[in-house]
Amino acid sequence: MATVQVAGIPEVLHAIDKQMLTSALEKLGSDRVMRGHVALEHGTRGDWNNCFLAMCFGGYGRLNALLRTPHKEGDEAAVMLGLSNAEVWAVTEAFDHCRAEMQALVEEWLELNHVAAVPA
């Protein structure tokens, strides 16, 4: 990350970690990534109720509610989703600071990896 001056105020520039983000997408799988994709359009930066990982886990507020139960640590989000802490950090940083880049990567990944359900 680099720092630039915007109107005399230092601002940190963020970049996505494509390798770590792609690794997280692989572990989450196409169904969860498809659910998480909704957050890229409608989620709120810094909100564990409707962020990408929350939607991957199972919808608005479920992940946050489980994290607030007694005896849960901050690393529990990674454990519950089957990700490393570095992967959770990469997803969170991309969602909060580089959403357009993340959305492009997620959509490309879904095009290559999502298998549509076959009607019965």
PDB file of N, CA and C in Angstrom:
ATOM      1  N   MET A   1       0.840  -1.177   0.000  1.00  0.00           N
ATOM      2  CA  MET A   1       0.000   0.000   0.000  1.00  0.00           C
ATOM      3  C   MET A   1       0.884   1.239   0.000  1.00  0.00           C
ATOM      4  N   ALA A   2       0.443   2.225  -0.703  1.00  0.00           N
ATOM      5  CA  ALA A   2       1.164   3.482  -0.784  1.00  0.00           C
ATOM      6  C   ALA A   2       0.304   4.588  -0.195  1.00  0.00           C
ATOM      7  N   THR A   3       0.949   5.713   0.117  1.00  0.00           N
ATOM      8  CA  THR A   3       0.228   6.854   0.653  1.00  0.00           C
ATOM      9  C   THR A   3       0.360   8.015  -0.317  1.00  0.00           C
ATOM     10  N   VAL A   4      -0.752   8.704  -0.555  1.00  0.00           N
ATOM     11  CA  VAL A   4      -0.750   9.895  -1.405  1.00  0.00           C
ATOM     12  C   VAL A   4      -1.406  11.020  -0.627  1.00  0.00           C
ATOM     13  N   GLN A   5      -1.186  12.246  -1.090  1.00  0.00           N
ATOM     14  CA  GLN A   5      -1.824  13.408  -0.489  1.00  0.00           C
ATOM     15  C   GLN A   5      -3.053  13.781  -1.311  1.00  0.00           C
ATOM     16  N   VAL A   6      -4.202  13.822  -0.686  1.00  0.00           N
ATOM     17  CA  VAL A   6      -5.426  14.268  -1.335  1.00  0.00           C
ATOM     18  C   VAL A   6      -5.923  15.463  -0.548  1.00  0.00           C
ATOM     19  N   ALA A   7      -5.915  16.622  -1.182  1.00  0.00           N
ATOM     20  CA  ALA A   7      -6.308  17.873  -0.527  1.00  0.00           C
ATOM     21  C   ALA A   7      -5.512  18.073   0.764  1.00  0.00           C
ATOM     22  N   GLY A   8      -4.226  17.722   0.727  1.00  0.00           N
ATOM     23  CA  GLY A   8      -3.356  17.924   1.880  1.00  0.00           C
ATOM     24  C   GLY A   8      -3.501  16.872   2.965  1.00  0.00           C
ATOM     25  N   ILE A   9      -4.377  15.871   2.766  1.00  0.00           N
ATOM     26  CA  ILE A   9      -4.605  14.826   3.768  1.00  0.00           C
ATOM     27  C   ILE A   9      -4.030  13.523   3.238  1.00  0.00           C
ATOM     28  N   PRO A  10      -3.189  12.838   4.038  1.00  0.00           N
ATOM     29  CA  PRO A  10      -2.642  11.566   3.568  1.00  0.00           C
ATOM     30  C   PRO A  10      -3.761  10.527   3.407  1.00  0.00           C
ATOM     31  N   GLU A  11      -3.720   9.800   2.292  1.00  0.00           N
ATOM     32  CA  GLU A  11      -4.708   8.754   2.036  1.00  0.00           C
ATOM     33  C   GLU A  11      -3.966   7.507   1.587  1.00  0.00           C
ATOM     34  N   VAL A  12      -4.315   6.368   2.151  1.00  0.00           N
ATOM     35  CA  VAL A  12      -3.668   5.108   1.815  1.00  0.00           C
ATOM     36  C   VAL A  12      -4.321   4.524   0.570  1.00  0.00           C
ATOM     37  N   LEU A  13      -3.491   4.129  -0.403  1.00  0.00           N
ATOM     38  CA  LEU A  13      -3.987   3.459  -1.597  1.00  0.00           C
ATOM     39  C   LEU A  13      -3.961   1.958  -1.336  1.00  0.00           C
ATOM     40  N   HIS A  14      -5.023   1.292  -1.682  1.00  0.00           N
ATOM     41  CA  HIS A  14      -5.123  -0.144  -1.465  1.00  0.00           C
ATOM     42  C   HIS A  14      -5.087  -0.867  -2.804  1.00  0.00           C
ATOM     43  N   ALA A  15      -4.620  -2.081  -2.774  1.00  0.00           N
ATOM     44  CA  ALA A  15      -4.628  -2.935  -3.955  1.00  0.00           C
ATOM     45  C   ALA A  15      -5.062  -4.329  -3.516  1.00  0.00           C
ATOM     46  N   ILE A  16      -5.784  -5.016  -4.384  1.00  0.00           N
ATOM     47  CA  ILE A  16      -6.209  -6.358  -4.005  1.00  0.00           C
ATOM     48  C   ILE A  16      -5.058  -7.341  -4.169  1.00  0.00           C
ATOM     49  N   ASP A  17      -5.084  -8.363  -3.350  1.00  0.00           N
ATOM     50  CA  ASP A  17      -4.129  -9.466  -3.451  1.00  0.00           C
ATOM     51  C   ASP A  17      -4.836 -10.545  -4.268  1.00  0.00           C
ATOM     52  N   LYS A  18      -4.646 -10.512  -5.579  1.00  0.00           N
ATOM     53  CA  LYS A  18      -5.383 -11.404  -6.482  1.00  0.00           C
ATOM     54  C   LYS A  18      -5.150 -12.872  -6.164  1.00  0.00           C
ATOM     55  N   GLN A  19      -3.925 -13.216  -5.836  1.00  0.00           N
ATOM     56  CA  GLN A  19      -3.609 -14.612  -5.542  1.00  0.00           C
ATOM     57  C   GLN A  19      -4.352 -15.071  -4.284  1.00  0.00           C
ATOM     58  N   MET A  20      -4.326 -14.281  -3.238  1.00  0.00           N
ATOM     59  CA  MET A  20      -4.986 -14.650  -1.989  1.00  0.00           C
ATOM     60  C   MET A  20      -6.508 -14.636  -2.160  1.00  0.00           C
ATOM     61  N   LEU A  21      -7.013 -13.655  -2.889  1.00  0.00           N
ATOM     62  CA  LEU A  21      -8.452 -13.564  -3.127  1.00  0.00           C
ATOM     63  C   LEU A  21      -8.940 -14.758  -3.953  1.00  0.00           C
ATOM     64  N   THR A  22      -8.185 -15.124  -4.975  1.00  0.00           N
ATOM     65  CA  THR A  22      -8.549 -16.286  -5.789  1.00  0.00           C
ATOM     66  C   THR A  22      -8.507 -17.568  -4.972  1.00  0.00           C
ATOM     67  N   SER A  23      -7.536 -17.686  -4.096  1.00  0.00           N
ATOM     68  CA  SER A  23      -7.448 -18.845  -3.209  1.00  0.00           C
ATOM     69  C   SER A  23      -8.699 -18.934  -2.324  1.00  0.00           C
ATOM     70  N   ALA A  24      -9.135 -17.788  -1.805  1.00  0.00           N
ATOM     71  CA  ALA A  24     -10.345 -17.759  -0.974  1.00  0.00           C
ATOM     72  C   ALA A  24     -11.564 -18.186  -1.794  1.00  0.00           C
ATOM     73  N   LEU A  25     -11.688 -17.691  -3.021  1.00  0.00           N
ATOM     74  CA  LEU A  25     -12.819 -18.054  -3.870  1.00  0.00           C
ATOM     75  C   LEU A  25     -12.839 -19.554  -4.131  1.00  0.00           C
ATOM     76  N   GLU A  26     -11.664 -20.131  -4.378  1.00  0.00           N
ATOM     77  CA  GLU A  26     -11.572 -21.573  -4.614  1.00  0.00           C
ATOM     78  C   GLU A  26     -12.072 -22.355  -3.396  1.00  0.00           C
ATOM     79  N   LYS A  27     -11.653 -21.942  -2.217  1.00  0.00           N
ATOM     80  CA  LYS A  27     -12.066 -22.641  -0.997  1.00  0.00           C
ATOM     81  C   LYS A  27     -13.553 -22.448  -0.700  1.00  0.00           C
ATOM     82  N   LEU A  28     -14.080 -21.270  -0.999  1.00  0.00           N
ATOM     83  CA  LEU A  28     -15.493 -21.010  -0.742  1.00  0.00           C
ATOM     84  C   LEU A  28     -16.396 -21.803  -1.680  1.00  0.00           C
ATOM     85  N   GLY A  29     -15.971 -21.981  -2.905  1.00  0.00           N
ATOM     86  CA  GLY A  29     -16.760 -22.715  -3.884  1.00  0.00           C
ATOM     87  C   GLY A  29     -17.771 -21.826  -4.585  1.00  0.00           C
ATOM     88  N   SER A  30     -18.253 -22.300  -5.735  1.00  0.00           N
ATOM     89  CA  SER A  30     -19.082 -21.456  -6.591  1.00  0.00           C
ATOM     90  C   SER A  30     -20.418 -21.064  -5.963  1.00  0.00           C
ATOM     91  N   ASP A  31     -21.056 -21.944  -5.192  1.00  0.00           N
ATOM     92  CA  ASP A  31     -22.345 -21.584  -4.592  1.00  0.00           C
ATOM     93  C   ASP A  31     -22.194 -20.440  -3.590  1.00  0.00           C
ATOM     94  N   ARG A  32     -21.195 -20.544  -2.719  1.00  0.00           N
ATOM     95  CA  ARG A  32     -20.985 -19.471  -1.738  1.00  0.00           C
ATOM     96  C   ARG A  32     -20.552 -18.173  -2.411  1.00  0.00           C
ATOM     97  N   VAL A  33     -19.672 -18.278  -3.397  1.00  0.00           N
ATOM     98  CA  VAL A  33     -19.203 -17.077  -4.102  1.00  0.00           C
ATOM     99  C   VAL A  33     -20.375 -16.400  -4.810  1.00  0.00           C
ATOM    100  N   MET A  34     -21.275 -17.195  -5.364  1.00  0.00           N
ATOM    101  CA  MET A  34     -22.454 -16.626  -6.022  1.00  0.00           C
ATOM    102  C   MET A  34     -23.302 -15.861  -4.998  1.00  0.00           C
ATOM    103  N   ARG A  35     -23.477 -16.408  -3.804  1.00  0.00           N
ATOM    104  CA  ARG A  35     -24.221 -15.695  -2.751  1.00  0.00           C
ATOM    105  C   ARG A  35     -23.481 -14.433  -2.332  1.00  0.00           C
ATOM    106  N   GLY A  36     -22.156 -14.529  -2.204  1.00  0.00           N
ATOM    107  CA  GLY A  36     -21.360 -13.373  -1.813  1.00  0.00           C
ATOM    108  C   GLY A  36     -21.382 -12.262  -2.849  1.00  0.00           C
ATOM    109  N   HIS A  37     -21.553 -12.634  -4.097  1.00  0.00           N
ATOM    110  CA  HIS A  37     -21.578 -11.660  -5.192  1.00  0.00           C
ATOM    111  C   HIS A  37     -22.655 -10.597  -4.967  1.00  0.00           C
ATOM    112  N   VAL A  38     -23.750 -10.977  -4.329  1.00  0.00           N
ATOM    113  CA  VAL A  38     -24.840 -10.030  -4.029  1.00  0.00           C
ATOM    114  C   VAL A  38     -24.309  -8.857  -3.205  1.00  0.00           C
ATOM    115  N   ALA A  39     -23.394  -9.121  -2.294  1.00  0.00           N
ATOM    116  CA  ALA A  39     -22.856  -8.074  -1.423  1.00  0.00           C
ATOM    117  C   ALA A  39     -22.054  -7.042  -2.198  1.00  0.00           C
ATOM    118  N   LEU A  40     -21.498  -7.419  -3.341  1.00  0.00           N
ATOM    119  CA  LEU A  40     -20.718  -6.462  -4.121  1.00  0.00           C
ATOM    120  C   LEU A  40     -21.590  -5.339  -4.647  1.00  0.00           C
ATOM    121  N   GLU A  41     -22.859  -5.610  -4.862  1.00  0.00           N
ATOM    122  CA  GLU A  41     -23.792  -4.578  -5.314  1.00  0.00           C
ATOM    123  C   GLU A  41     -24.503  -3.893  -4.153  1.00  0.00           C
ATOM    124  N   HIS A  42     -24.783  -4.644  -3.093  1.00  0.00           N
ATOM    125  CA  HIS A  42     -25.664  -4.131  -2.047  1.00  0.00           C
ATOM    126  C   HIS A  42     -25.043  -4.058  -0.657  1.00  0.00           C
ATOM    127  N   GLY A  43     -23.854  -4.624  -0.461  1.00  0.00           N
ATOM    128  CA  GLY A  43     -23.235  -4.650   0.861  1.00  0.00           C
ATOM    129  C   GLY A  43     -22.661  -3.307   1.266  1.00  0.00           C
ATOM    130  N   THR A  44     -22.400  -3.186   2.557  1.00  0.00           N
ATOM    131  CA  THR A  44     -21.885  -1.950   3.120  1.00  0.00           C
ATOM    132  C   THR A  44     -20.471  -2.169   3.640  1.00  0.00           C
ATOM    133  N   ARG A  45     -19.582  -1.294   3.265  1.00  0.00           N
ATOM    134  CA  ARG A  45     -18.193  -1.353   3.720  1.00  0.00           C
ATOM    135  C   ARG A  45     -18.143  -1.384   5.243  1.00  0.00           C
ATOM    136  N   GLY A  46     -17.349  -2.311   5.787  1.00  0.00           N
ATOM    137  CA  GLY A  46     -17.129  -2.377   7.224  1.00  0.00           C
ATOM    138  C   GLY A  46     -18.274  -2.977   8.017  1.00  0.00           C
ATOM    139  N   ASP A  47     -19.263  -3.578   7.364  1.00  0.00           N
ATOM    140  CA  ASP A  47     -20.418  -4.145   8.065  1.00  0.00           C
ATOM    141  C   ASP A  47     -20.391  -5.663   7.936  1.00  0.00           C
ATOM    142  N   TRP A  48     -20.143  -6.364   9.044  1.00  0.00           N
ATOM    143  CA  TRP A  48     -20.070  -7.821   9.040  1.00  0.00           C
ATOM    144  C   TRP A  48     -21.438  -8.461   8.830  1.00  0.00           C
ATOM    145  N   ASN A  49     -22.509  -7.683   8.804  1.00  0.00           N
ATOM    146  CA  ASN A  49     -23.836  -8.247   8.568  1.00  0.00           C
ATOM    147  C   ASN A  49     -24.110  -8.490   7.091  1.00  0.00           C
ATOM    148  N   ASN A  50     -23.576  -7.640   6.228  1.00  0.00           N
ATOM    149  CA  ASN A  50     -23.890  -7.776   4.803  1.00  0.00           C
ATOM    150  C   ASN A  50     -22.660  -7.693   3.902  1.00  0.00           C
ATOM    151  N   CYS A  51     -21.506  -8.027   4.429  1.00  0.00           N
ATOM    152  CA  CYS A  51     -20.290  -8.022   3.613  1.00  0.00           C
ATOM    153  C   CYS A  51     -20.227  -9.284   2.755  1.00  0.00           C
ATOM    154  N   PHE A  52     -19.246  -9.366   1.907  1.00  0.00           N
ATOM    155  CA  PHE A  52     -19.081 -10.507   1.007  1.00  0.00           C
ATOM    156  C   PHE A  52     -19.038 -11.818   1.785  1.00  0.00           C
ATOM    157  N   LEU A  53     -18.229 -11.883   2.836  1.00  0.00           N
ATOM    158  CA  LEU A  53     -18.097 -13.128   3.591  1.00  0.00           C
ATOM    159  C   LEU A  53     -19.380 -13.484   4.329  1.00  0.00           C
ATOM    160  N   ALA A  54     -20.105 -12.487   4.830  1.00  0.00           N
ATOM    161  CA  ALA A  54     -21.378 -12.761   5.513  1.00  0.00           C
ATOM    162  C   ALA A  54     -22.363 -13.394   4.544  1.00  0.00           C
ATOM    163  N   MET A  55     -22.442 -12.859   3.332  1.00  0.00           N
ATOM    164  CA  MET A  55     -23.379 -13.414   2.355  1.00  0.00           C
ATOM    165  C   MET A  55     -22.927 -14.806   1.909  1.00  0.00           C
ATOM    166  N   CYS A  56     -21.624 -15.027   1.814  1.00  0.00           N
ATOM    167  CA  CYS A  56     -21.124 -16.371   1.502  1.00  0.00           C
ATOM    168  C   CYS A  56     -21.538 -17.365   2.581  1.00  0.00           C
ATOM    169  N   PHE A  57     -21.504 -16.913   3.823  1.00  0.00           N
ATOM    170  CA  PHE A  57     -21.786 -17.804   4.951  1.00  0.00           C
ATOM    171  C   PHE A  57     -23.252 -18.186   5.030  1.00  0.00           C
ATOM    172  N   GLY A  58     -24.137 -17.286   4.636  1.00  0.00           N
ATOM    173  CA  GLY A  58     -25.529 -17.705   4.698  1.00  0.00           C
ATOM    174  C   GLY A  58     -26.540 -16.598   4.821  1.00  0.00           C
ATOM    175  N   GLY A  59     -26.187 -15.402   4.507  1.00  0.00           N
ATOM    176  CA  GLY A  59     -27.179 -14.343   4.501  1.00  0.00           C
ATOM    177  C   GLY A  59     -26.954 -13.295   5.565  1.00  0.00           C
ATOM    178  N   TYR A  60     -27.761 -12.261   5.468  1.00  0.00           N
ATOM    179  CA  TYR A  60     -27.621 -11.076   6.302  1.00  0.00           C
ATOM    180  C   TYR A  60     -27.593 -11.430   7.794  1.00  0.00           C
ATOM    181  N   GLY A  61     -26.510 -11.075   8.456  1.00  0.00           N
ATOM    182  CA  GLY A  61     -26.398 -11.152   9.899  1.00  0.00           C
ATOM    183  C   GLY A  61     -26.031 -12.500  10.492  1.00  0.00           C
ATOM    184  N   ARG A  62     -26.097 -13.595   9.739  1.00  0.00           N
ATOM    185  CA  ARG A  62     -25.837 -14.919  10.328  1.00  0.00           C
ATOM    186  C   ARG A  62     -24.405 -15.056  10.829  1.00  0.00           C
ATOM    187  N   LEU A  63     -23.438 -14.654  10.027  1.00  0.00           N
ATOM    188  CA  LEU A  63     -22.037 -14.775  10.436  1.00  0.00           C
ATOM    189  C   LEU A  63     -21.765 -13.893  11.646  1.00  0.00           C
ATOM    190  N   ASN A  64     -22.231 -12.666  11.624  1.00  0.00           N
ATOM    191  CA  ASN A  64     -22.029 -11.741  12.730  1.00  0.00           C
ATOM    192  C   ASN A  64     -22.675 -12.272  14.009  1.00  0.00           C
ATOM    193  N   ALA A  65     -23.863 -12.832  13.909  1.00  0.00           N
ATOM    194  CA  ALA A  65     -24.545 -13.376  15.086  1.00  0.00           C
ATOM    195  C   ALA A  65     -23.741 -14.516  15.697  1.00  0.00           C
ATOM    196  N   LEU A  66     -23.193 -15.389  14.866  1.00  0.00           N
ATOM    197  CA  LEU A  66     -22.389 -16.488  15.385  1.00  0.00           C
ATOM    198  C   LEU A  66     -21.088 -16.003  16.002  1.00  0.00           C
ATOM    199  N   LEU A  67     -20.518 -14.954  15.431  1.00  0.00           N
ATOM    200  CA  LEU A  67     -19.271 -14.422  15.977  1.00  0.00           C
ATOM    201  C   LEU A  67     -19.482 -13.741  17.319  1.00  0.00           C
ATOM    202  N   ARG A  68     -20.690 -13.291  17.592  1.00  0.00           N
ATOM    203  CA  ARG A  68     -20.977 -12.608  18.855  1.00  0.00           C
ATOM    204  C   ARG A  68     -21.369 -13.547  19.982  1.00  0.00           C
ATOM    205  N   THR A  69     -21.520 -14.838  19.686  1.00  0.00           N
ATOM    206  CA  THR A  69     -21.855 -15.778  20.744  1.00  0.00           C
ATOM    207  C   THR A  69     -20.648 -15.960  21.643  1.00  0.00           C
ATOM    208  N   PRO A  70     -20.862 -16.356  22.900  1.00  0.00           N
ATOM    209  CA  PRO A  70     -19.738 -16.519  23.832  1.00  0.00           C
ATOM    210  C   PRO A  70     -18.686 -17.500  23.304  1.00  0.00           C
ATOM    211  N   HIS A  71     -17.457 -17.252  23.645  1.00  0.00           N
ATOM    212  CA  HIS A  71     -16.302 -18.096  23.343  1.00  0.00           C
ATOM    213  C   HIS A  71     -15.869 -18.053  21.885  1.00  0.00           C
ATOM    214  N   LYS A  72     -16.319 -17.073  21.131  1.00  0.00           N
ATOM    215  CA  LYS A  72     -15.872 -16.951  19.740  1.00  0.00           C
ATOM    216  C   LYS A  72     -14.751 -15.922  19.678  1.00  0.00           C
ATOM    217  N   GLU A  73     -13.742 -16.236  18.933  1.00  0.00           N
ATOM    218  CA  GLU A  73     -12.601 -15.341  18.731  1.00  0.00           C
ATOM    219  C   GLU A  73     -12.729 -14.666  17.377  1.00  0.00           C
ATOM    220  N   GLY A  74     -11.936 -13.638  17.136  1.00  0.00           N
ATOM    221  CA  GLY A  74     -11.944 -12.951  15.856  1.00  0.00           C
ATOM    222  C   GLY A  74     -11.573 -13.857  14.693  1.00  0.00           C
ATOM    223  N   ASP A  75     -10.750 -14.857  14.965  1.00  0.00           N
ATOM    224  CA  ASP A  75     -10.319 -15.779  13.910  1.00  0.00           C
ATOM    225  C   ASP A  75     -11.403 -16.789  13.541  1.00  0.00           C
ATOM    226  N   GLU A  76     -12.509 -16.788  14.272  1.00  0.00           N
ATOM    227  CA  GLU A  76     -13.574 -17.759  14.020  1.00  0.00           C
ATOM    228  C   GLU A  76     -14.185 -17.604  12.635  1.00  0.00           C
ATOM    229  N   ALA A  77     -14.224 -16.391  12.100  1.00  0.00           N
ATOM    230  CA  ALA A  77     -14.768 -16.208  10.749  1.00  0.00           C
ATOM    231  C   ALA A  77     -13.981 -17.054   9.759  1.00  0.00           C
ATOM    232  N   ALA A  78     -12.689 -17.061   9.882  1.00  0.00           N
ATOM    233  CA  ALA A  78     -11.847 -17.868   8.993  1.00  0.00           C
ATOM    234  C   ALA A  78     -12.154 -19.345   9.176  1.00  0.00           C
ATOM    235  N   VAL A  79     -12.246 -19.791  10.420  1.00  0.00           N
ATOM    236  CA  VAL A  79     -12.517 -21.199  10.700  1.00  0.00           C
ATOM    237  C   VAL A  79     -13.880 -21.608  10.157  1.00  0.00           C
ATOM    238  N   MET A  80     -14.907 -20.791  10.407  1.00  0.00           N
ATOM    239  CA  MET A  80     -16.261 -21.128   9.967  1.00  0.00           C
ATOM    240  C   MET A  80     -16.376 -21.213   8.453  1.00  0.00           C
ATOM    241  N   LEU A  81     -15.584 -20.427   7.748  1.00  0.00           N
ATOM    242  CA  LEU A  81     -15.651 -20.411   6.289  1.00  0.00           C
ATOM    243  C   LEU A  81     -14.596 -21.301   5.634  1.00  0.00           C
ATOM    244  N   GLY A  82     -13.716 -21.896   6.435  1.00  0.00           N
ATOM    245  CA  GLY A  82     -12.675 -22.755   5.886  1.00  0.00           C
ATOM    246  C   GLY A  82     -11.564 -21.989   5.199  1.00  0.00           C
ATOM    247  N   LEU A  83     -11.324 -20.763   5.640  1.00  0.00           N
ATOM    248  CA  LEU A  83     -10.298 -19.909   5.051  1.00  0.00           C
ATOM    249  C   LEU A  83      -9.177 -19.664   6.041  1.00  0.00           C
ATOM    250  N   SER A  84      -8.041 -19.229   5.529  1.00  0.00           N
ATOM    251  CA  SER A  84      -6.955 -18.790   6.401  1.00  0.00           C
ATOM    252  C   SER A  84      -7.246 -17.349   6.822  1.00  0.00           C
ATOM    253  N   ASN A  85      -6.592 -16.895   7.872  1.00  0.00           N
ATOM    254  CA  ASN A  85      -6.749 -15.497   8.293  1.00  0.00           C
ATOM    255  C   ASN A  85      -6.311 -14.541   7.184  1.00  0.00           C
ATOM    256  N   ALA A  86      -5.265 -14.922   6.453  1.00  0.00           N
ATOM    257  CA  ALA A  86      -4.777 -14.074   5.353  1.00  0.00           C
ATOM    258  C   ALA A  86      -5.822 -13.964   4.252  1.00  0.00           C
ATOM    259  N   GLU A  87      -6.539 -15.052   3.983  1.00  0.00           N
ATOM    260  CA  GLU A  87      -7.579 -15.018   2.958  1.00  0.00           C
ATOM    261  C   GLU A  87      -8.758 -14.146   3.396  1.00  0.00           C
ATOM    262  N   VAL A  88      -9.141 -14.257   4.667  1.00  0.00           N
ATOM    263  CA  VAL A  88     -10.216 -13.404   5.191  1.00  0.00           C
ATOM    264  C   VAL A  88      -9.799 -11.944   5.082  1.00  0.00           C
ATOM    265  N   TRP A  89      -8.566 -11.643   5.443  1.00  0.00           N
ATOM    266  CA  TRP A  89      -8.068 -10.275   5.360  1.00  0.00           C
ATOM    267  C   TRP A  89      -8.086  -9.775   3.920  1.00  0.00           C
ATOM    268  N   ALA A  90      -7.646 -10.612   2.969  1.00  0.00           N
ATOM    269  CA  ALA A  90      -7.616 -10.216   1.556  1.00  0.00           C
ATOM    270  C   ALA A  90      -9.019  -9.921   1.038  1.00  0.00           C
ATOM    271  N   VAL A  91      -9.989 -10.758   1.396  1.00  0.00           N
ATOM    272  CA  VAL A  91     -11.374 -10.540   0.969  1.00  0.00           C
ATOM    273  C   VAL A  91     -11.920  -9.268   1.602  1.00  0.00           C
ATOM    274  N   THR A  92     -11.694  -9.095   2.887  1.00  0.00           N
ATOM    275  CA  THR A  92     -12.208  -7.930   3.608  1.00  0.00           C
ATOM    276  C   THR A  92     -11.617  -6.635   3.064  1.00  0.00           C
ATOM    277  N   GLU A  93     -10.325  -6.611   2.851  1.00  0.00           N
ATOM    278  CA  GLU A  93      -9.663  -5.426   2.304  1.00  0.00           C
ATOM    279  C   GLU A  93     -10.177  -5.097   0.906  1.00  0.00           C
ATOM    280  N   ALA A  94     -10.309  -6.114   0.067  1.00  0.00           N
ATOM    281  CA  ALA A  94     -10.795  -5.882  -1.290  1.00  0.00           C
ATOM    282  C   ALA A  94     -12.232  -5.375  -1.267  1.00  0.00           C
ATOM    283  N   PHE A  95     -13.071  -5.970  -0.425  1.00  0.00           N
ATOM    284  CA  PHE A  95     -14.477  -5.565  -0.340  1.00  0.00           C
ATOM    285  C   PHE A  95     -14.591  -4.125   0.162  1.00  0.00           C
ATOM    286  N   ASP A  96     -13.813  -3.785   1.165  1.00  0.00           N
ATOM    287  CA  ASP A  96     -13.911  -2.451   1.773  1.00  0.00           C
ATOM    288  C   ASP A  96     -13.246  -1.355   0.947  1.00  0.00           C
ATOM    289  N   HIS A  97     -12.172  -1.689   0.216  1.00  0.00           N
ATOM    290  CA  HIS A  97     -11.374  -0.634  -0.404  1.00  0.00           C
ATOM    291  C   HIS A  97     -11.207  -0.725  -1.919  1.00  0.00           C
ATOM    292  N   CYS A  98     -11.468  -1.871  -2.514  1.00  0.00           N
ATOM    293  CA  CYS A  98     -11.238  -2.049  -3.954  1.00  0.00           C
ATOM    294  C   CYS A  98     -12.400  -2.822  -4.577  1.00  0.00           C
ATOM    295  N   ARG A  99     -13.605  -2.376  -4.293  1.00  0.00           N
ATOM    296  CA  ARG A  99     -14.788  -3.161  -4.660  1.00  0.00           C
ATOM    297  C   ARG A  99     -14.896  -3.393  -6.167  1.00  0.00           C
ATOM    298  N   ALA A 100     -14.622  -2.396  -6.982  1.00  0.00           N
ATOM    299  CA  ALA A 100     -14.757  -2.573  -8.435  1.00  0.00           C
ATOM    300  C   ALA A 100     -13.795  -3.649  -8.951  1.00  0.00           C
ATOM    301  N   GLU A 101     -12.552  -3.613  -8.475  1.00  0.00           N
ATOM    302  CA  GLU A 101     -11.577  -4.629  -8.863  1.00  0.00           C
ATOM    303  C   GLU A 101     -11.989  -6.006  -8.384  1.00  0.00           C
ATOM    304  N   MET A 102     -12.484  -6.071  -7.136  1.00  0.00           N
ATOM    305  CA  MET A 102     -12.921  -7.342  -6.579  1.00  0.00           C
ATOM    306  C   MET A 102     -14.100  -7.888  -7.377  1.00  0.00           C
ATOM    307  N   GLN A 103     -15.045  -7.022  -7.702  1.00  0.00           N
ATOM    308  CA  GLN A 103     -16.219  -7.461  -8.451  1.00  0.00           C
ATOM    309  C   GLN A 103     -15.810  -8.039  -9.808  1.00  0.00           C
ATOM    310  N   ALA A 104     -14.880  -7.393 -10.478  1.00  0.00           N
ATOM    311  CA  ALA A 104     -14.415  -7.898 -11.773  1.00  0.00           C
ATOM    312  C   ALA A 104     -13.776  -9.275 -11.618  1.00  0.00           C
ATOM    313  N   LEU A 105     -12.947  -9.442 -10.586  1.00  0.00           N
ATOM    314  CA  LEU A 105     -12.284 -10.724 -10.356  1.00  0.00           C
ATOM    315  C   LEU A 105     -13.305 -11.806 -10.000  1.00  0.00           C
ATOM    316  N   VAL A 106     -14.255 -11.484  -9.128  1.00  0.00           N
ATOM    317  CA  VAL A 106     -15.285 -12.450  -8.725  1.00  0.00           C
ATOM    318  C   VAL A 106     -16.135 -12.854  -9.926  1.00  0.00           C
ATOM    319  N   GLU A 107     -16.526 -11.897 -10.741  1.00  0.00           N
ATOM    320  CA  GLU A 107     -17.361 -12.213 -11.902  1.00  0.00           C
ATOM    321  C   GLU A 107     -16.605 -13.071 -12.914  1.00  0.00           C
ATOM    322  N   GLU A 108     -15.331 -12.770 -13.117  1.00  0.00           N
ATOM    323  CA  GLU A 108     -14.518 -13.601 -14.011  1.00  0.00           C
ATOM    324  C   GLU A 108     -14.390 -15.014 -13.446  1.00  0.00           C
ATOM    325  N   TRP A 109     -14.137 -15.114 -12.136  1.00  0.00           N
ATOM    326  CA  TRP A 109     -14.009 -16.416 -11.493  1.00  0.00           C
ATOM    327  C   TRP A 109     -15.313 -17.207 -11.614  1.00  0.00           C
ATOM    328  N   LEU A 110     -16.438 -16.539 -11.406  1.00  0.00           N
ATOM    329  CA  LEU A 110     -17.730 -17.220 -11.515  1.00  0.00           C
ATOM    330  C   LEU A 110     -17.991 -17.706 -12.941  1.00  0.00           C
ATOM    331  N   GLU A 111     -17.631 -16.908 -13.933  1.00  0.00           N
ATOM    332  CA  GLU A 111     -17.809 -17.328 -15.326  1.00  0.00           C
ATOM    333  C   GLU A 111     -17.057 -18.618 -15.607  1.00  0.00           C
ATOM    334  N   LEU A 112     -15.882 -18.748 -15.019  1.00  0.00           N
ATOM    335  CA  LEU A 112     -15.051 -19.922 -15.259  1.00  0.00           C
ATOM    336  C   LEU A 112     -15.409 -21.105 -14.373  1.00  0.00           C
ATOM    337  N   ASN A 113     -16.049 -20.856 -13.227  1.00  0.00           N
ATOM    338  CA  ASN A 113     -16.210 -21.909 -12.235  1.00  0.00           C
ATOM    339  C   ASN A 113     -17.637 -22.226 -11.801  1.00  0.00           C
ATOM    340  N   HIS A 114     -18.578 -21.374 -12.075  1.00  0.00           N
ATOM    341  CA  HIS A 114     -19.946 -21.633 -11.595  1.00  0.00           C
ATOM    342  C   HIS A 114     -20.656 -22.617 -12.504  1.00  0.00           C
ATOM    343  N   VAL A 115     -21.223 -23.621 -11.889  1.00  0.00           N
ATOM    344  CA  VAL A 115     -21.993 -24.625 -12.627  1.00  0.00           C
ATOM    345  C   VAL A 115     -23.457 -24.386 -12.291  1.00  0.00           C
ATOM    346  N   ALA A 116     -24.242 -24.061 -13.305  1.00  0.00           N
ATOM    347  CA  ALA A 116     -25.661 -23.806 -13.094  1.00  0.00           C
ATOM    348  C   ALA A 116     -26.373 -25.089 -12.698  1.00  0.00           C
ATOM    349  N   ALA A 117     -27.374 -24.954 -11.835  1.00  0.00           N
ATOM    350  CA  ALA A 117     -28.157 -26.103 -11.415  1.00  0.00           C
ATOM    351  C   ALA A 117     -28.970 -26.626 -12.592  1.00  0.00           C
ATOM    352  N   VAL A 118     -29.033 -27.924 -12.710  1.00  0.00           N
ATOM    353  CA  VAL A 118     -29.794 -28.548 -13.787  1.00  0.00           C
ATOM    354  C   VAL A 118     -31.215 -28.763 -13.302  1.00  0.00           C
ATOM    355  N   PRO A 119     -32.215 -28.263 -14.056  1.00  0.00           N
ATOM    356  CA  PRO A 119     -33.612 -28.445 -13.628  1.00  0.00           C
ATOM    357  C   PRO A 119     -33.976 -29.935 -13.600  1.00  0.00           C
ATOM    358  N   ALA A 120     -34.800 -30.309 -12.652  1.00  0.00           N
ATOM    359  CA  ALA A 120     -35.191 -31.715 -12.506  1.00  0.00           C
ATOM    360  C   ALA A 120     -36.221 -32.112 -13.540  1.00  0.00           C
TER     361      ALA A 120
END
